[in-house]
Protein backbone atom coordinates (compact mmCIF):
# COMPACT_ATOMS: atom_id res chain seq x y z
CA MET A 1 59.91 154.66 128.30
CA THR A 2 63.38 154.14 129.85
CA PRO A 3 66.32 152.94 127.58
CA ASP A 4 66.53 149.94 129.86
CA GLU A 5 62.60 149.17 129.14
CA ASP A 6 63.01 150.19 125.29
CA TRP A 7 65.43 147.51 125.06
CA HIS A 8 63.66 144.66 126.68
CA ASP A 9 60.89 146.01 124.53
CA GLU A 10 63.00 145.38 121.45
CA ARG A 11 64.77 142.16 122.33
CA ASN A 12 61.18 140.59 123.42
CA ARG A 13 60.28 141.38 119.73
CA MET A 14 63.39 139.83 118.18
CA ASP A 15 62.96 136.23 116.99
CA ASP A 16 64.63 133.57 118.48
CA ASP A 17 67.50 133.11 115.84
CA ALA A 18 67.85 136.58 115.54
CA LYS A 19 68.37 136.60 119.70
CA ASN A 20 70.52 133.72 119.38
CA ALA A 21 72.75 135.13 116.58
CA TYR A 22 73.07 138.55 118.72
CA PHE A 23 74.23 136.87 121.83
CA ARG A 24 76.46 134.67 119.97
CA GLU A 25 78.34 137.81 118.40
CA LYS A 26 78.16 139.45 121.82
CA ASP A 27 79.81 136.63 123.54
CA GLU A 28 82.67 136.39 120.42
CA ARG A 29 83.43 140.12 120.97
CA GLU A 30 83.57 139.70 124.48
CA ALA A 31 85.97 136.54 124.39
CA LYS A 32 87.98 138.38 121.63
CA ALA A 33 88.40 141.47 124.02
CA LYS A 34 89.21 139.39 127.01
CA ALA A 35 92.01 137.50 125.05
CA VAL A 36 93.35 140.73 124.10
CA THR A 37 93.33 142.48 127.06
CA GLU A 38 94.75 139.58 129.49
CA LYS A 39 98.25 138.75 128.98
CA HIS A 40 99.57 135.22 128.99
CA CYS A 41 102.88 136.42 130.82
CA PRO A 42 104.07 139.69 132.82
CA THR A 43 105.69 140.85 129.60
CA CYS A 44 104.03 139.14 126.75
CA VAL A 45 107.18 139.25 124.81
CA CYS A 46 107.98 135.84 125.61
CA GLY A 47 108.65 134.50 121.95
CA ARG A 48 105.98 131.88 123.02
CA ARG A 49 104.31 130.19 119.55
CA ALA A 50 101.68 127.50 118.63
CA PRO A 51 102.04 125.21 116.16
CA VAL A 52 99.48 125.38 112.91
CA GLN A 53 99.00 122.56 111.09
CA GLY A 54 99.46 122.70 107.14
CA ASP A 55 96.77 122.17 105.03
CA GLN A 56 96.17 122.91 100.98
CA THR A 57 97.07 126.36 101.29
CA LYS A 58 100.56 126.25 103.43
CA GLY A 59 102.50 123.96 104.73
CA PRO A 60 102.87 123.38 108.54
CA GLY A 61 104.07 126.67 110.67
CA THR A 62 103.51 128.33 113.87
CA ILE A 63 101.81 131.74 115.01
CA SER A 64 102.72 133.88 117.92
CA TRP A 65 100.80 132.41 121.10
CA ALA A 66 98.70 135.74 121.42
CA GLU A 67 97.31 135.19 117.79
CA HIS A 68 96.86 131.74 118.66
CA GLU A 69 94.76 132.76 121.69
CA LEU A 70 92.67 135.08 119.62
CA ALA A 71 91.82 132.56 117.38
CA TRP A 72 90.89 130.46 120.46
CA ALA A 73 88.70 133.13 121.82
CA THR A 74 86.35 132.79 118.56
CA TYR A 75 86.76 129.04 118.59
CA ALA A 76 85.35 129.04 122.20
CA ALA A 77 82.95 131.62 121.51
CA ARG A 78 81.28 129.14 118.98
CA HIS A 79 82.06 125.99 120.13
CA GLY A 80 82.72 126.22 123.63
CA SER A 81 85.68 125.99 126.08
CA SER A 82 85.92 122.44 126.52
CA GLN A 83 89.44 122.45 124.87
CA SER A 84 91.37 125.08 126.25
CA ALA A 85 93.89 127.01 124.00
CA GLU A 86 96.94 124.73 125.64
CA GLU A 87 95.45 121.87 124.78
CA ILE A 88 94.40 122.81 121.19
CA ALA A 89 98.19 123.51 120.77
CA ALA A 90 99.35 120.33 122.25
CA ARG A 91 97.12 118.39 119.65
CA SER A 92 99.24 120.02 116.88
CA GLY A 93 97.13 123.51 116.80
CA PHE A 94 94.65 124.49 114.46
CA GLY A 95 94.82 123.93 110.82
CA TYR A 96 95.90 127.36 108.43
CA THR A 97 92.42 127.68 106.96
CA GLU A 98 90.59 127.20 110.24
CA VAL A 99 92.96 130.20 111.78
CA ILE A 100 91.97 132.37 108.52
CA LEU A 101 88.38 131.79 109.26
CA LEU A 102 88.48 132.07 113.13
CA LEU A 103 90.47 135.64 112.87
CA GLY A 104 88.79 136.51 109.96
CA ARG A 105 91.98 136.97 108.38
CA GLU A 106 95.43 135.90 107.41
CA PRO A 107 97.73 135.35 110.41
CA GLU A 108 99.96 138.14 110.76
CA THR A 109 102.89 136.22 112.70
CA TRP A 110 102.53 132.59 110.86
CA VAL A 111 106.14 131.48 109.83
CA PRO A 112 106.74 127.95 108.10
CA VAL A 113 108.40 125.24 110.43
CA GLY A 114 112.30 125.45 109.85
CA ARG A 115 112.26 129.16 109.52
CA GLY A 116 111.89 130.00 113.15
CA GLY A 117 108.45 128.49 113.37
CA ALA A 118 109.98 125.38 115.38
């Protein structure tokens, strides 16, 4: 049996939930990899920032555009890309806790509004 045939046999044995979870995670990984490798400007050191809405944990602030795009890549993989990273930023950005959930960690580039954040 070739590796391709073996993969197809294994894939056919997976139940629908497992298949969906596998492909959803695969799509997330691919979207994140694309966001990391595609620069939004030629030098990618333009200093562009995206707003972050305040919540119970932190007040309003901003994160680097690159970190915003990483969060958006996860968002788009989970919920679709009907709202672009640009549109979300124009609508006051993600919430602070939402950014943590999307990145899987606290944002590294967050600064509060008034301290270089806007």
